[in-house]
Amino acid sequence: MNKFDYMQKHGYEQLVYFYDKTTGLKGITCIHDTTLGPALGGTRLWDYQDEEEACLDVFRLARAMTYKAAAAGLNLGGGKTVLIGDANKVKSEEYFRAFGRYVQSLNGRYITAEDVNTTTQDMEYVSIETDYVVGLEGKSGNPSPKTALGVFYGIKAALQYVFGDDDISKYTFAVQGAGQTGYYLIKYLLEAKAKKIYLSEINENHIKRMQAEHPEVELVGVNDIYSLDVDVFSPCALGGSLNDETIPQIKAKIVAGSANNALFDEEKHGMMLRERGILYAPDFVINAGGLINVAHELKGYNEEDAIKDIKKIYDRLLEIFKMADENNISTQQAAKLFAKNRIEKIGRIRSNYIPK
């Protein structure tokens, strides 16, 4: 990969490699766009095959965060960090404190939080060394329940748009993944008396937890989840699950879940879903609840106010669905246009310097 060409093509601002010889910490922080404000995005710890795979992941995730923050109406830009290593082997207090020092070195251009394989406890260690971390215990805490809440309201919006009725109890659901957000999403769906829920999951611990707590949720094979005759398919695992092989299998009229980068190829697979008459709730809009929640820490956290803003995902998606139909484009394209329009408009009003 020619990284500078890629950064120029997609408008990235900064790519930072860091290494700590004491702890073996290896990672990459990417800042995509700070037009609206400092870049905010979680820290993902993953045992990548190589540096190129890690770099491509952080590029994609950072850009998605820019669109997510803009579409959510936040005065934040997009960034992300990936740490390279086996989470079962590398995690320690000193490891995350070393990472916190690198975050601090960016002087507020980047604010971090938990993500895949990192926790609120890990972020507590990070916070010892930097002021630029959110999602801490005693404040907004674990963002997963709030991410799931946003997905829940996003699903209701999609049901309203497709069927003219957002009553969860009338519909059936196939949820892919029940680790964090998928787990909480299923709880919200059950509380709303969903007609039927199917689940696919590869982690035995997550399967056992779901079977113990909610035996009414039916477990299916990981390759069978796509072809179920349900109303809503909800991808809540890792990205790229919507692709040439899986999309033709989908019988659901709605695809709406928490997974980042669910579309393997944004342009191709976004249009493929549209052409098949499947309404897709763009990932970076529907899964913004966690980001909205932790962003409230920056102005003094109040859970009630955060939930009010998370519920706005419902109306935001209705606007994006309408925009897609009016312009005969995919909902993913409409969502990016929605986000870019906000960045451009706010960027223009900030073109003149006024000290705050």
Protein backbone atom coordinates (compact mmCIF):
# COMPACT_ATOMS: atom_id res chain seq x y z
CA MET A 1 0.00 0.00 0.00
CA ASN A 2 1.23 3.48 -0.89
CA LYS A 3 0.02 5.19 2.26
CA PHE A 4 0.51 8.78 1.13
CA ASP A 5 -1.50 8.20 -2.05
CA TYR A 6 -4.27 6.59 0.00
CA MET A 7 -4.27 9.50 2.46
CA GLN A 8 -4.44 12.05 -0.34
CA LYS A 9 -7.26 10.20 -2.10
CA HIS A 10 -9.46 10.01 1.00
CA GLY A 11 -8.51 13.23 2.76
CA TYR A 12 -6.61 11.90 5.78
CA GLU A 13 -4.70 14.30 7.98
CA GLN A 14 -2.32 12.16 10.01
CA LEU A 15 -1.02 8.62 10.46
CA VAL A 16 1.09 7.92 13.55
CA TYR A 17 3.07 4.73 14.23
CA PHE A 18 4.27 4.18 17.79
CA TYR A 19 6.29 1.57 19.68
CA ASP A 20 7.24 1.21 23.33
CA LYS A 21 10.35 -0.88 23.97
CA THR A 22 9.51 -1.48 27.65
CA THR A 23 6.08 -3.06 27.15
CA GLY A 24 6.28 -4.16 23.50
CA LEU A 25 3.34 -1.89 22.68
CA LYS A 26 2.89 -1.56 18.90
CA GLY A 27 0.16 0.53 17.36
CA ILE A 28 -1.11 2.98 14.77
CA THR A 29 -3.29 6.04 15.31
CA CYS A 30 -5.05 7.56 12.32
CA ILE A 31 -6.71 10.98 12.25
CA HIS A 32 -8.97 11.41 9.26
CA ASP A 33 -10.63 14.83 9.54
CA THR A 34 -10.80 17.47 12.28
CA THR A 35 -12.92 20.10 10.53
CA LEU A 36 -15.69 19.80 13.13
CA GLY A 37 -13.45 19.25 16.16
CA PRO A 38 -10.89 16.87 17.69
CA ALA A 39 -10.89 13.33 16.32
CA LEU A 40 -12.61 10.80 18.58
CA GLY A 41 -12.44 7.06 18.10
CA GLY A 42 -11.84 3.92 20.11
CA THR A 43 -8.76 1.78 20.49
CA ARG A 44 -8.96 -1.70 18.95
CA LEU A 45 -6.55 -4.45 20.05
CA TRP A 46 -6.23 -7.20 17.44
CA ASP A 47 -3.75 -9.87 16.47
CA TYR A 48 -3.33 -8.66 12.88
CA GLN A 49 -1.51 -10.86 10.38
CA ASP A 50 0.83 -8.01 9.49
CA GLU A 51 1.34 -4.27 9.57
CA GLU A 52 -0.45 -3.71 6.24
CA GLU A 53 -3.63 -5.35 7.49
CA ALA A 54 -3.55 -3.21 10.63
CA CYS A 55 -2.96 -0.04 8.62
CA LEU A 56 -5.83 -0.69 6.24
CA ASP A 57 -8.14 -1.38 9.19
CA VAL A 58 -7.24 1.84 11.00
CA PHE A 59 -7.65 3.84 7.78
CA ARG A 60 -11.17 2.50 7.20
CA LEU A 61 -12.21 2.82 10.83
CA ALA A 62 -10.97 6.41 11.18
CA ARG A 63 -12.80 7.59 8.08
CA ALA A 64 -15.98 5.89 9.26
CA MET A 65 -15.66 7.79 12.55
CA THR A 66 -15.56 11.10 10.70
CA TYR A 67 -18.84 10.31 8.98
CA LYS A 68 -20.33 8.88 12.17
CA ALA A 69 -19.58 11.99 14.23
CA ALA A 70 -20.76 14.36 11.49
CA ALA A 71 -23.98 12.45 10.83
CA ALA A 72 -24.65 12.29 14.57
CA GLY A 73 -24.53 16.08 14.82
CA LEU A 74 -21.40 16.09 16.98
CA ASN A 75 -18.65 18.70 16.87
CA LEU A 76 -15.99 16.01 16.56
CA GLY A 77 -13.78 14.60 13.86
CA GLY A 78 -12.85 11.02 13.09
CA GLY A 79 -9.90 9.00 14.30
CA LYS A 80 -9.01 5.51 15.46
CA THR A 81 -6.20 3.51 17.03
CA VAL A 82 -5.29 -0.12 16.42
CA LEU A 83 -2.91 -1.94 18.74
CA ILE A 84 -1.18 -4.98 17.28
CA GLY A 85 -1.02 -8.06 19.47
CA ASP A 86 -2.81 -10.94 21.16
CA ALA A 87 -5.18 -9.50 23.76
CA ASN A 88 -4.71 -12.58 25.95
CA LYS A 89 -0.97 -11.97 26.15
CA VAL A 90 -0.12 -8.27 25.93
CA LYS A 91 -2.63 -6.50 28.20
CA SER A 92 -1.34 -5.00 31.45
CA GLU A 93 -1.40 -1.76 33.42
CA GLU A 94 1.97 -0.68 32.07
CA TYR A 95 0.96 -1.53 28.49
CA PHE A 96 -2.04 0.79 28.55
CA ARG A 97 -0.25 3.50 30.50
CA ALA A 98 2.43 3.49 27.80
CA PHE A 99 -0.32 3.88 25.22
CA GLY A 100 -1.82 6.76 27.21
CA ARG A 101 1.46 8.64 26.93
CA TYR A 102 1.33 8.39 23.14
CA VAL A 103 -2.26 9.67 23.14
CA GLN A 104 -1.16 12.60 25.31
CA SER A 105 1.62 13.40 22.83
CA LEU A 106 -1.03 14.25 20.21
CA ASN A 107 -2.04 17.18 22.43
CA GLY A 108 -5.82 16.79 22.10
CA ARG A 109 -6.07 16.23 18.37
CA TYR A 110 -7.19 12.68 19.15
CA ILE A 111 -9.45 11.42 21.97
CA THR A 112 -9.67 7.68 22.57
CA ALA A 113 -12.10 5.22 24.18
CA GLU A 114 -12.59 1.46 24.39
CA ASP A 115 -13.23 -0.71 21.35
CA VAL A 116 -12.77 -4.36 20.35
CA ASN A 117 -10.67 -6.21 22.98
CA THR A 118 -10.25 -3.14 25.19
CA THR A 119 -12.35 -2.30 28.25
CA THR A 120 -13.30 0.55 30.54
CA GLN A 121 -10.67 -0.77 33.01
CA ASP A 122 -8.03 -0.56 30.28
CA MET A 123 -9.11 3.03 29.64
CA GLU A 124 -8.72 3.80 33.36
CA TYR A 125 -5.04 2.92 32.99
CA VAL A 126 -4.86 5.07 29.85
CA SER A 127 -6.42 7.98 31.75
CA ILE A 128 -3.56 8.00 34.27
CA GLU A 129 -1.28 9.25 31.50
CA THR A 130 -3.60 11.35 29.32
CA ASP A 131 -6.48 13.79 29.56
CA TYR A 132 -7.82 12.65 26.21
CA VAL A 133 -9.85 9.52 26.94
CA VAL A 134 -13.60 9.00 27.44
CA GLY A 135 -15.90 6.11 28.28
CA LEU A 136 -14.65 5.83 31.84
CA GLU A 137 -16.37 4.17 34.79
CA GLY A 138 -18.24 6.68 36.91
CA LYS A 139 -18.94 8.74 33.81
CA SER A 140 -20.52 7.34 30.64
CA GLY A 141 -19.01 3.87 31.23
CA ASN A 142 -19.32 0.98 28.79
CA PRO A 143 -20.69 2.41 25.49
CA SER A 144 -22.05 -0.94 24.24
CA PRO A 145 -25.53 -0.67 25.81
CA LYS A 146 -25.94 2.79 24.33
CA THR A 147 -24.68 1.66 20.93
CA ALA A 148 -27.29 -1.10 21.07
CA LEU A 149 -29.96 1.40 22.09
CA GLY A 150 -29.20 3.48 19.01
CA VAL A 151 -29.40 0.36 16.83
CA PHE A 152 -32.74 -0.48 18.44
CA TYR A 153 -34.18 2.93 17.49
CA GLY A 154 -32.58 2.65 14.07
CA ILE A 155 -34.34 -0.68 13.51
CA LYS A 156 -37.63 0.92 14.53
CA ALA A 157 -37.06 3.68 11.96
CA ALA A 158 -36.36 1.12 9.24
CA LEU A 159 -39.50 -0.83 10.16
CA GLN A 160 -41.51 2.37 9.98
CA TYR A 161 -40.07 3.22 6.56
CA VAL A 162 -40.58 -0.23 5.05
CA PHE A 163 -43.74 -1.47 6.74
CA GLY A 164 -45.35 1.72 8.07
CA ASP A 165 -45.34 0.36 11.63
CA ASP A 166 -42.42 0.27 14.09
CA ASP A 167 -44.00 -2.08 16.66
CA ILE A 168 -41.16 -4.54 17.39
CA SER A 169 -43.60 -7.23 18.57
CA LYS A 170 -44.86 -7.75 15.02
CA TYR A 171 -41.51 -8.73 13.50
CA THR A 172 -38.82 -11.40 13.41
CA PHE A 173 -35.06 -10.84 13.73
CA ALA A 174 -31.78 -12.58 12.90
CA VAL A 175 -28.89 -11.21 14.97
CA GLN A 176 -25.31 -12.02 13.96
CA GLY A 177 -23.09 -11.84 17.03
CA ALA A 178 -23.94 -11.44 20.73
CA GLY A 179 -20.69 -10.27 22.26
CA GLN A 180 -21.39 -6.71 23.38
CA THR A 181 -23.80 -4.66 21.29
CA GLY A 182 -25.54 -7.73 19.89
CA TYR A 183 -26.13 -8.99 23.42
CA TYR A 184 -27.72 -5.73 24.54
CA LEU A 185 -29.67 -5.35 21.31
CA ILE A 186 -31.27 -8.75 21.87
CA LYS A 187 -32.23 -7.64 25.38
CA TYR A 188 -33.93 -4.51 24.01
CA LEU A 189 -35.74 -6.56 21.35
CA LEU A 190 -36.95 -9.05 23.95
CA GLU A 191 -38.13 -6.25 26.23
CA ALA A 192 -40.14 -4.94 23.26
CA LYS A 193 -41.60 -8.46 22.84
CA ALA A 194 -40.05 -9.29 19.47
CA LYS A 195 -42.01 -12.02 17.71
CA LYS A 196 -38.94 -14.26 17.20
CA ILE A 197 -35.17 -13.85 17.46
CA TYR A 198 -32.50 -16.06 15.89
CA LEU A 199 -28.82 -15.80 16.76
CA SER A 200 -25.51 -16.89 15.26
CA GLU A 201 -22.32 -16.69 17.33
CA ILE A 202 -18.83 -18.22 17.23
CA ASN A 203 -17.83 -17.56 20.84
CA GLU A 204 -18.88 -20.43 23.12
CA ASN A 205 -19.01 -18.20 26.19
CA HIS A 206 -21.40 -15.81 24.49
CA ILE A 207 -23.56 -18.73 23.36
CA LYS A 208 -23.73 -20.16 26.88
CA ARG A 209 -24.61 -16.76 28.34
CA MET A 210 -27.45 -16.28 25.88
CA GLN A 211 -28.80 -19.80 26.38
CA ALA A 212 -28.74 -19.35 30.15
CA GLU A 213 -30.37 -15.92 30.16
CA HIS A 214 -32.66 -16.12 27.13
CA PRO A 215 -33.33 -19.70 26.03
CA GLU A 216 -36.14 -18.43 23.78
CA VAL A 217 -33.50 -17.02 21.39
CA GLU A 218 -32.83 -19.73 18.81
CA LEU A 219 -29.21 -20.48 17.91
CA VAL A 220 -28.46 -21.19 14.23
CA GLY A 221 -25.27 -21.93 12.31
CA VAL A 222 -22.97 -19.08 11.38
CA ASN A 223 -23.57 -19.72 7.68
CA ASP A 224 -27.34 -20.14 8.08
CA ILE A 225 -28.08 -16.74 9.60
CA TYR A 226 -28.19 -14.91 6.26
CA SER A 227 -30.88 -17.03 4.59
CA LEU A 228 -33.45 -17.05 7.40
CA ASP A 229 -36.95 -15.92 6.48
CA VAL A 230 -37.07 -12.95 8.86
CA ASP A 231 -38.01 -9.28 8.65
CA VAL A 232 -34.69 -7.86 9.92
CA PHE A 233 -31.13 -9.12 9.61
CA SER A 234 -28.88 -7.44 12.17
CA PRO A 235 -25.08 -7.83 11.69
CA CYS A 236 -23.41 -7.15 15.04
CA ALA A 237 -20.05 -8.88 14.55
CA LEU A 238 -16.93 -7.75 12.68
CA GLY A 239 -17.13 -5.94 9.32
CA GLY A 240 -17.36 -7.15 5.74
CA SER A 241 -20.21 -9.61 6.31
CA LEU A 242 -22.30 -8.09 3.51
CA ASN A 243 -20.63 -9.23 0.30
CA ASP A 244 -21.05 -11.02 -3.03
CA GLU A 245 -21.63 -14.35 -1.32
CA THR A 246 -23.95 -13.36 1.52
CA ILE A 247 -26.21 -10.66 0.05
CA PRO A 248 -27.94 -13.01 -2.45
CA GLN A 249 -28.88 -15.25 0.50
CA ILE A 250 -30.64 -12.52 2.50
CA LYS A 251 -34.44 -12.81 2.66
CA ALA A 252 -34.96 -10.00 5.16
CA LYS A 253 -36.39 -6.71 3.91
CA ILE A 254 -34.18 -4.75 6.32
CA VAL A 255 -30.49 -4.98 7.22
CA ALA A 256 -29.73 -2.96 10.35
CA GLY A 257 -27.02 -3.71 12.90
CA SER A 258 -24.08 -2.40 14.87
CA ALA A 259 -21.14 -3.83 12.89
CA ASN A 260 -18.66 -1.27 11.58
CA ASN A 261 -17.90 -1.49 7.85
CA ALA A 262 -20.57 -4.17 7.39
CA LEU A 263 -20.45 -3.62 3.61
CA PHE A 264 -17.37 -5.34 2.18
CA ASP A 265 -17.40 -2.84 -0.69
CA GLU A 266 -19.41 0.28 0.18
CA GLU A 267 -20.42 1.30 -3.33
CA LYS A 268 -20.95 -2.12 -4.87
CA HIS A 269 -22.71 -3.84 -2.00
CA GLY A 270 -24.72 -0.80 -0.93
CA MET A 271 -26.27 -0.73 -4.41
CA MET A 272 -26.62 -4.51 -4.48
CA LEU A 273 -28.85 -4.35 -1.40
CA ARG A 274 -30.90 -1.53 -2.91
CA GLU A 275 -31.37 -3.40 -6.18
CA ARG A 276 -32.62 -6.43 -4.25
CA GLY A 277 -35.21 -4.30 -2.48
CA ILE A 278 -33.46 -4.53 0.89
CA LEU A 279 -33.33 -1.39 3.04
CA TYR A 280 -29.88 -0.96 4.58
CA ALA A 281 -29.42 1.23 7.66
CA PRO A 282 -25.92 2.71 7.16
CA ASP A 283 -23.59 1.39 9.83
CA PHE A 284 -21.99 4.66 10.88
CA VAL A 285 -25.40 6.28 11.43
CA ILE A 286 -27.24 3.47 13.22
CA ASN A 287 -24.33 2.48 15.48
CA ALA A 288 -23.48 6.02 16.63
CA GLY A 289 -25.16 5.63 20.03
CA GLY A 290 -21.93 4.73 21.83
CA LEU A 291 -20.09 7.66 20.29
CA ILE A 292 -22.91 10.05 21.19
CA ASN A 293 -22.86 8.70 24.73
CA VAL A 294 -19.12 9.12 25.34
CA ALA A 295 -19.12 12.52 23.58
CA HIS A 296 -21.41 13.78 26.34
CA GLU A 297 -18.50 13.31 28.76
CA LEU A 298 -16.73 16.18 27.05
CA LYS A 299 -19.38 18.63 28.26
CA GLY A 300 -20.31 16.98 31.57
CA TYR A 301 -22.08 13.63 31.42
CA ASN A 302 -25.83 13.40 31.96
CA GLU A 303 -27.33 10.06 30.96
CA GLU A 304 -30.82 11.43 30.27
CA ASP A 305 -29.45 14.04 27.87
CA ALA A 306 -27.30 11.39 26.14
CA ILE A 307 -30.30 9.10 25.62
CA LYS A 308 -32.31 11.97 24.14
CA ASP A 309 -29.59 12.51 21.55
CA ILE A 310 -29.28 8.77 20.85
CA LYS A 311 -33.00 8.56 20.08
CA LYS A 312 -32.50 11.16 17.33
CA ILE A 313 -30.98 8.34 15.24
CA TYR A 314 -34.58 7.37 14.41
CA ASP A 315 -35.43 10.64 12.61
CA ARG A 316 -31.94 10.94 11.13
CA LEU A 317 -32.29 7.57 9.41
CA LEU A 318 -35.74 8.41 8.07
CA GLU A 319 -34.22 11.50 6.45
CA ILE A 320 -31.38 9.45 4.94
CA PHE A 321 -33.73 6.74 3.65
CA LYS A 322 -35.82 9.43 1.94
CA MET A 323 -32.71 11.08 0.48
CA ALA A 324 -31.59 7.75 -1.00
CA ASP A 325 -34.95 7.13 -2.67
CA GLU A 326 -35.24 10.68 -4.02
CA ASN A 327 -31.76 10.48 -5.57
CA ASN A 328 -31.89 6.79 -6.55
CA ILE A 329 -28.68 6.08 -4.65
CA SER A 330 -27.80 3.58 -1.95
CA THR A 331 -28.53 4.50 1.65
CA GLN A 332 -24.79 4.28 2.35
CA GLN A 333 -24.12 6.91 -0.32
CA ALA A 334 -26.95 9.06 1.05
CA ALA A 335 -25.54 8.83 4.58
CA LYS A 336 -22.07 9.87 3.42
CA LEU A 337 -23.60 12.78 1.51
CA PHE A 338 -25.56 13.72 4.63
CA ALA A 339 -22.34 13.73 6.70
CA LYS A 340 -20.20 15.51 4.09
CA ASN A 341 -22.80 18.27 3.71
CA ARG A 342 -22.58 18.99 7.42
CA ILE A 343 -18.77 19.01 7.42
CA GLU A 344 -18.71 21.41 4.47
CA LYS A 345 -21.32 23.76 5.93
CA ILE A 346 -19.75 23.92 9.39
CA GLY A 347 -16.29 24.18 7.84
CA ARG A 348 -17.38 27.27 5.90
CA ILE A 349 -18.78 29.10 8.93
CA ARG A 350 -15.48 28.46 10.73
CA SER A 351 -13.39 29.88 7.91
CA ASN A 352 -12.93 33.20 9.77
CA TYR A 353 -10.87 33.21 12.96
CA ILE A 354 -12.71 34.15 16.15
CA PRO A 355 -11.03 33.43 19.51
CA LYS A 356 -13.27 31.51 21.89
